[in-house]
């Protein structure tokens, strides 16, 4: 992880009490964490990026542990997502390195997770916003868990940096009523239903 030297880590947690409707009996909570790191590939083309996937796994575990703690523990976390913003001297492929590492970290710490980890990445400058998609851990068709959490860093990512982010939630959208597969109907066999 030393080549992706961390400048700072930011954690955010949101508790959603209502969105104009009744107060939630159990308010859903969603959180995100990101690290602003040096991008060792900024400003140059590197043909072989695979070593970076392994190098980023400790960062993914660190961020996962911190986010789980910020959300009050593993119990009830049922949605996740990940993303990256690459500073302008980098390329989108540098953000794609987070697909394996970020997913690995969350799956390692959260236990059995059969559904794909939703992801978003882009190249952006200081203050760029990233909307990280969320989805259910074990069943992609649980519509109530289709959600997003936005992250933004005022002073990053700088041109030679990358923002690596993870997101998790406990509960779905506060007033979800769009139908689809409900959590109590999840079989969790194939990551879809």
C-alpha atoms as a PDB file:
ATOM      1  CA  UNK A   1       0.000   0.000   0.000  1.00  0.00           C
ATOM      2  CA  UNK A   2       3.033   2.275   0.334  1.00  0.00           C
ATOM      3  CA  UNK A   3       2.912   3.305  -3.319  1.00  0.00           C
ATOM      4  CA  UNK A   4      -0.688   4.466  -2.707  1.00  0.00           C
ATOM      5  CA  UNK A   5       0.354   6.663   0.222  1.00  0.00           C
ATOM      6  CA  UNK A   6      -2.737   7.879   2.110  1.00  0.00           C
ATOM      7  CA  UNK A   7      -3.122  11.625   2.579  1.00  0.00           C
ATOM      8  CA  UNK A   8      -6.413  11.450   4.468  1.00  0.00           C
ATOM      9  CA  UNK A   9      -9.413   9.287   5.292  1.00  0.00           C
ATOM     10  CA  UNK A  10     -12.946  10.652   5.588  1.00  0.00           C
ATOM     11  CA  UNK A  11     -15.987   8.853   7.009  1.00  0.00           C
ATOM     12  CA  UNK A  12     -19.598   9.956   6.703  1.00  0.00           C
ATOM     13  CA  UNK A  13     -22.756   8.427   8.172  1.00  0.00           C
ATOM     14  CA  UNK A  14     -26.354   9.380   7.369  1.00  0.00           C
ATOM     15  CA  UNK A  15     -29.465   8.422   9.318  1.00  0.00           C
ATOM     16  CA  UNK A  16     -32.612   9.016   7.265  1.00  0.00           C
ATOM     17  CA  UNK A  17     -35.646   9.721   9.458  1.00  0.00           C
ATOM     18  CA  UNK A  18     -38.113  10.531   6.661  1.00  0.00           C
ATOM     19  CA  UNK A  19     -38.366  12.006   3.172  1.00  0.00           C
ATOM     20  CA  UNK A  20     -41.629  13.868   3.614  1.00  0.00           C
ATOM     21  CA  UNK A  21     -43.624  10.845   4.759  1.00  0.00           C
ATOM     22  CA  UNK A  22     -44.020   9.384   8.240  1.00  0.00           C
ATOM     23  CA  UNK A  23     -41.060   8.997  10.559  1.00  0.00           C
ATOM     24  CA  UNK A  24     -39.335   5.655  10.085  1.00  0.00           C
ATOM     25  CA  UNK A  25     -39.785   3.212  12.965  1.00  0.00           C
ATOM     26  CA  UNK A  26     -36.218   2.048  12.331  1.00  0.00           C
ATOM     27  CA  UNK A  27     -34.402   4.733  10.330  1.00  0.00           C
ATOM     28  CA  UNK A  28     -32.130   3.373   7.621  1.00  0.00           C
ATOM     29  CA  UNK A  29     -28.469   4.285   7.964  1.00  0.00           C
ATOM     30  CA  UNK A  30     -25.981   4.552   5.154  1.00  0.00           C
ATOM     31  CA  UNK A  31     -22.330   5.426   5.281  1.00  0.00           C
ATOM     32  CA  UNK A  32     -19.300   5.939   3.124  1.00  0.00           C
ATOM     33  CA  UNK A  33     -15.595   6.103   3.713  1.00  0.00           C
ATOM     34  CA  UNK A  34     -12.873   7.188   1.375  1.00  0.00           C
ATOM     35  CA  UNK A  35      -9.122   7.545   1.311  1.00  0.00           C
ATOM     36  CA  UNK A  36      -7.275  10.145  -0.723  1.00  0.00           C
ATOM     37  CA  UNK A  37      -4.129   8.390  -1.920  1.00  0.00           C
ATOM     38  CA  UNK A  38      -1.132   9.118  -4.099  1.00  0.00           C
ATOM     39  CA  UNK A  39      -1.572   7.660  -7.581  1.00  0.00           C
ATOM     40  CA  UNK A  40       1.756   6.042  -8.521  1.00  0.00           C
ATOM     41  CA  UNK A  41       0.652   5.846 -12.169  1.00  0.00           C
ATOM     42  CA  UNK A  42      -0.371   9.507 -12.571  1.00  0.00           C
ATOM     43  CA  UNK A  43       1.152  11.247 -15.566  1.00  0.00           C
ATOM     44  CA  UNK A  44       2.373   8.103 -17.310  1.00  0.00           C
ATOM     45  CA  UNK A  45       1.112   4.979 -19.024  1.00  0.00           C
ATOM     46  CA  UNK A  46       1.797   1.688 -17.251  1.00  0.00           C
ATOM     47  CA  UNK A  47       1.084  -1.487 -19.220  1.00  0.00           C
ATOM     48  CA  UNK A  48       0.843  -3.837 -16.218  1.00  0.00           C
ATOM     49  CA  UNK A  49      -1.454  -2.583 -13.462  1.00  0.00           C
ATOM     50  CA  UNK A  50      -2.133  -5.982 -11.864  1.00  0.00           C
ATOM     51  CA  UNK A  51       0.339  -5.594  -8.961  1.00  0.00           C
ATOM     52  CA  UNK A  52      -1.735  -2.621  -7.782  1.00  0.00           C
ATOM     53  CA  UNK A  53      -4.754  -4.861  -7.162  1.00  0.00           C
ATOM     54  CA  UNK A  54      -2.856  -6.758  -4.469  1.00  0.00           C
ATOM     55  CA  UNK A  55      -1.269  -3.578  -3.149  1.00  0.00           C
ATOM     56  CA  UNK A  56      -4.734  -2.053  -2.564  1.00  0.00           C
ATOM     57  CA  UNK A  57      -6.221  -4.978  -0.625  1.00  0.00           C
ATOM     58  CA  UNK A  58      -4.886  -3.810   2.773  1.00  0.00           C
ATOM     59  CA  UNK A  59      -6.469  -0.392   2.150  1.00  0.00           C
ATOM     60  CA  UNK A  60      -9.796  -2.053   1.375  1.00  0.00           C
ATOM     61  CA  UNK A  61      -9.658  -4.036   4.615  1.00  0.00           C
ATOM     62  CA  UNK A  62      -8.745  -0.925   6.622  1.00  0.00           C
ATOM     63  CA  UNK A  63     -11.589   1.117   5.130  1.00  0.00           C
ATOM     64  CA  UNK A  64     -14.073  -1.743   5.547  1.00  0.00           C
ATOM     65  CA  UNK A  65     -13.199  -2.177   9.218  1.00  0.00           C
ATOM     66  CA  UNK A  66     -13.537   1.553   9.883  1.00  0.00           C
ATOM     67  CA  UNK A  67     -16.854   1.855   8.049  1.00  0.00           C
ATOM     68  CA  UNK A  68     -18.355  -1.190   9.796  1.00  0.00           C
ATOM     69  CA  UNK A  69     -17.320   0.352  13.143  1.00  0.00           C
ATOM     70  CA  UNK A  70     -18.798   3.746  12.172  1.00  0.00           C
ATOM     71  CA  UNK A  71     -22.096   2.013  11.356  1.00  0.00           C
ATOM     72  CA  UNK A  72     -22.157   0.375  14.790  1.00  0.00           C
ATOM     73  CA  UNK A  73     -20.996  -3.107  13.815  1.00  0.00           C
ATOM     74  CA  UNK A  74     -21.734  -5.762  11.207  1.00  0.00           C
ATOM     75  CA  UNK A  75     -25.261  -6.586  12.404  1.00  0.00           C
ATOM     76  CA  UNK A  76     -27.908  -5.456   9.918  1.00  0.00           C
ATOM     77  CA  UNK A  77     -25.613  -4.175   7.165  1.00  0.00           C
ATOM     78  CA  UNK A  78     -27.364  -5.419   4.050  1.00  0.00           C
ATOM     79  CA  UNK A  79     -26.241  -3.204   1.169  1.00  0.00           C
ATOM     80  CA  UNK A  80     -22.900  -2.142  -0.263  1.00  0.00           C
ATOM     81  CA  UNK A  81     -21.126  -0.325  -3.071  1.00  0.00           C
ATOM     82  CA  UNK A  82     -17.753   1.088  -4.055  1.00  0.00           C
ATOM     83  CA  UNK A  83     -16.218   3.740  -6.263  1.00  0.00           C
ATOM     84  CA  UNK A  84     -13.229   5.847  -7.199  1.00  0.00           C
ATOM     85  CA  UNK A  85     -12.389   9.300  -8.497  1.00  0.00           C
ATOM     86  CA  UNK A  86      -9.050   9.521 -10.278  1.00  0.00           C
ATOM     87  CA  UNK A  87      -7.274  12.871 -10.318  1.00  0.00           C
ATOM     88  CA  UNK A  88      -6.827  14.479 -13.721  1.00  0.00           C
ATOM     89  CA  UNK A  89      -3.245  13.265 -14.272  1.00  0.00           C
ATOM     90  CA  UNK A  90      -4.512   9.690 -14.082  1.00  0.00           C
ATOM     91  CA  UNK A  91      -6.846   7.572 -16.167  1.00  0.00           C
ATOM     92  CA  UNK A  92     -10.105   5.782 -15.445  1.00  0.00           C
ATOM     93  CA  UNK A  93      -8.279   2.429 -15.451  1.00  0.00           C
ATOM     94  CA  UNK A  94      -6.526   3.524 -12.256  1.00  0.00           C
ATOM     95  CA  UNK A  95      -9.960   3.709 -10.606  1.00  0.00           C
ATOM     96  CA  UNK A  96     -10.852   0.289 -12.020  1.00  0.00           C
ATOM     97  CA  UNK A  97      -8.094  -1.188  -9.843  1.00  0.00           C
ATOM     98  CA  UNK A  98     -10.534  -0.711  -6.951  1.00  0.00           C
ATOM     99  CA  UNK A  99     -13.092  -3.144  -8.424  1.00  0.00           C
ATOM    100  CA  UNK A 100     -11.312  -6.233  -7.140  1.00  0.00           C
ATOM    101  CA  UNK A 101      -9.611  -4.744  -4.075  1.00  0.00           C
ATOM    102  CA  UNK A 102     -12.657  -2.843  -2.771  1.00  0.00           C
ATOM    103  CA  UNK A 103     -14.985  -5.764  -3.334  1.00  0.00           C
ATOM    104  CA  UNK A 104     -12.492  -8.154  -1.740  1.00  0.00           C
ATOM    105  CA  UNK A 105     -12.242  -6.053   1.419  1.00  0.00           C
ATOM    106  CA  UNK A 106     -15.978  -5.825   1.974  1.00  0.00           C
ATOM    107  CA  UNK A 107     -16.688  -9.475   1.146  1.00  0.00           C
ATOM    108  CA  UNK A 108     -13.855 -10.596   3.424  1.00  0.00           C
ATOM    109  CA  UNK A 109     -15.207  -8.676   6.416  1.00  0.00           C
ATOM    110  CA  UNK A 110     -18.979  -8.860   5.814  1.00  0.00           C
ATOM    111  CA  UNK A 111     -19.068 -12.605   5.248  1.00  0.00           C
ATOM    112  CA  UNK A 112     -21.226 -14.290   2.666  1.00  0.00           C
ATOM    113  CA  UNK A 113     -22.113 -11.787  -0.062  1.00  0.00           C
ATOM    114  CA  UNK A 114     -23.412 -13.262  -3.289  1.00  0.00           C
ATOM    115  CA  UNK A 115     -24.504 -10.193  -5.236  1.00  0.00           C
ATOM    116  CA  UNK A 116     -22.186  -8.080  -7.335  1.00  0.00           C
ATOM    117  CA  UNK A 117     -20.844  -4.984  -5.587  1.00  0.00           C
ATOM    118  CA  UNK A 118     -22.250  -1.965  -7.472  1.00  0.00           C
ATOM    119  CA  UNK A 119     -19.530   0.422  -8.548  1.00  0.00           C
ATOM    120  CA  UNK A 120     -18.860   3.815 -10.103  1.00  0.00           C
ATOM    121  CA  UNK A 121     -15.626   5.484 -11.128  1.00  0.00           C
ATOM    122  CA  UNK A 122     -14.528   8.524 -13.055  1.00  0.00           C
ATOM    123  CA  UNK A 123     -11.741  11.002 -13.622  1.00  0.00           C
ATOM    124  CA  UNK A 124     -12.350  14.300 -11.831  1.00  0.00           C
ATOM    125  CA  UNK A 125     -10.653  17.209 -10.154  1.00  0.00           C
ATOM    126  CA  UNK A 126     -10.819  18.931  -6.793  1.00  0.00           C
ATOM    127  CA  UNK A 127     -14.290  18.757  -5.281  1.00  0.00           C
ATOM    128  CA  UNK A 128     -15.668  16.278  -7.822  1.00  0.00           C
ATOM    129  CA  UNK A 129     -18.712  14.393  -6.554  1.00  0.00           C
ATOM    130  CA  UNK A 130     -19.130  10.644  -6.866  1.00  0.00           C
ATOM    131  CA  UNK A 131     -22.505   8.942  -6.517  1.00  0.00           C
ATOM    132  CA  UNK A 132     -21.784   5.462  -5.189  1.00  0.00           C
ATOM    133  CA  UNK A 133     -24.569   3.010  -6.065  1.00  0.00           C
ATOM    134  CA  UNK A 134     -25.788   0.638  -3.378  1.00  0.00           C
ATOM    135  CA  UNK A 135     -27.264  -2.819  -3.783  1.00  0.00           C
ATOM    136  CA  UNK A 136     -28.282  -5.711  -1.534  1.00  0.00           C
ATOM    137  CA  UNK A 137     -25.461  -8.022  -0.402  1.00  0.00           C
ATOM    138  CA  UNK A 138     -27.074 -11.264  -1.549  1.00  0.00           C
ATOM    139  CA  UNK A 139     -29.798 -10.469  -4.063  1.00  0.00           C
ATOM    140  CA  UNK A 140     -29.488  -7.875  -6.810  1.00  0.00           C
ATOM    141  CA  UNK A 141     -33.275  -7.745  -7.339  1.00  0.00           C
ATOM    142  CA  UNK A 142     -34.098  -6.254  -3.937  1.00  0.00           C
ATOM    143  CA  UNK A 143     -35.318  -2.874  -5.217  1.00  0.00           C
ATOM    144  CA  UNK A 144     -35.556  -1.276  -1.779  1.00  0.00           C
ATOM    145  CA  UNK A 145     -31.755  -1.432  -1.582  1.00  0.00           C
ATOM    146  CA  UNK A 146     -31.219   0.370  -4.914  1.00  0.00           C
ATOM    147  CA  UNK A 147     -29.866   3.602  -3.525  1.00  0.00           C
ATOM    148  CA  UNK A 148     -26.899   5.946  -3.690  1.00  0.00           C
ATOM    149  CA  UNK A 149     -24.642   7.826  -1.337  1.00  0.00           C
ATOM    150  CA  UNK A 150     -22.606  10.771  -2.570  1.00  0.00           C
ATOM    151  CA  UNK A 151     -19.047  11.582  -1.561  1.00  0.00           C
ATOM    152  CA  UNK A 152     -17.057  14.724  -2.229  1.00  0.00           C
ATOM    153  CA  UNK A 153     -13.668  15.979  -1.114  1.00  0.00           C
ATOM    154  CA  UNK A 154     -13.063  19.734  -1.233  1.00  0.00           C
ATOM    155  CA  UNK A 155      -9.298  19.418  -1.657  1.00  0.00           C
ATOM    156  CA  UNK A 156      -9.083  16.215  -3.636  1.00  0.00           C
ATOM    157  CA  UNK A 157      -8.359  14.291  -5.552  1.00  0.00           C
ATOM    158  CA  UNK A 158      -5.419  16.383  -6.663  1.00  0.00           C
ATOM    159  CA  UNK A 159      -3.977  15.673 -10.125  1.00  0.00           C
ATOM    160  CA  UNK A 160      -1.632  12.966  -8.829  1.00  0.00           C
ATOM    161  CA  UNK A 161      -4.123  11.350  -6.440  1.00  0.00           C
ATOM    162  CA  UNK A 162      -7.027   8.959  -6.435  1.00  0.00           C
ATOM    163  CA  UNK A 163     -10.027   8.770  -4.099  1.00  0.00           C
ATOM    164  CA  UNK A 164     -10.962   5.175  -3.239  1.00  0.00           C
ATOM    165  CA  UNK A 165     -14.388   4.809  -1.586  1.00  0.00           C
ATOM    166  CA  UNK A 166     -16.564   2.132   0.006  1.00  0.00           C
ATOM    167  CA  UNK A 167     -20.221   2.429   1.011  1.00  0.00           C
ATOM    168  CA  UNK A 168     -22.601   0.332   3.112  1.00  0.00           C
ATOM    169  CA  UNK A 169     -26.149   0.610   4.399  1.00  0.00           C
ATOM    170  CA  UNK A 170     -28.374  -0.852   7.051  1.00  0.00           C
ATOM    171  CA  UNK A 171     -31.877  -0.860   5.592  1.00  0.00           C
ATOM    172  CA  UNK A 172     -33.222   0.404   2.287  1.00  0.00           C
ATOM    173  CA  UNK A 173     -34.718   3.667   1.132  1.00  0.00           C
ATOM    174  CA  UNK A 174     -36.776   5.139   3.970  1.00  0.00           C
ATOM    175  CA  UNK A 175     -40.131   5.115   2.161  1.00  0.00           C
ATOM    176  CA  UNK A 176     -39.511   2.288  -0.302  1.00  0.00           C
ATOM    177  CA  UNK A 177     -42.735   1.192  -1.946  1.00  0.00           C
ATOM    178  CA  UNK A 178     -41.722   0.391  -5.528  1.00  0.00           C
ATOM    179  CA  UNK A 179     -42.353  -3.351  -5.279  1.00  0.00           C
ATOM    180  CA  UNK A 180     -39.966  -6.069  -6.312  1.00  0.00           C
ATOM    181  CA  UNK A 181     -38.255  -8.694  -4.222  1.00  0.00           C
ATOM    182  CA  UNK A 182     -38.517  -8.020  -0.484  1.00  0.00           C
ATOM    183  CA  UNK A 183     -35.676  -8.797   1.931  1.00  0.00           C
ATOM    184  CA  UNK A 184     -37.644 -11.609   3.582  1.00  0.00           C
ATOM    185  CA  UNK A 185     -38.011 -13.287   0.159  1.00  0.00           C
ATOM    186  CA  UNK A 186     -34.265 -13.460  -0.575  1.00  0.00           C
ATOM    187  CA  UNK A 187     -32.959 -16.962  -1.196  1.00  0.00           C
ATOM    188  CA  UNK A 188     -29.377 -15.753  -1.749  1.00  0.00           C
ATOM    189  CA  UNK A 189     -28.377 -18.635  -4.004  1.00  0.00           C
ATOM    190  CA  UNK A 190     -27.188 -16.894  -7.163  1.00  0.00           C
ATOM    191  CA  UNK A 191     -26.712 -13.243  -6.253  1.00  0.00           C
ATOM    192  CA  UNK A 192     -29.880 -12.261  -8.095  1.00  0.00           C
ATOM    193  CA  UNK A 193     -32.839 -13.442  -6.013  1.00  0.00           C
END
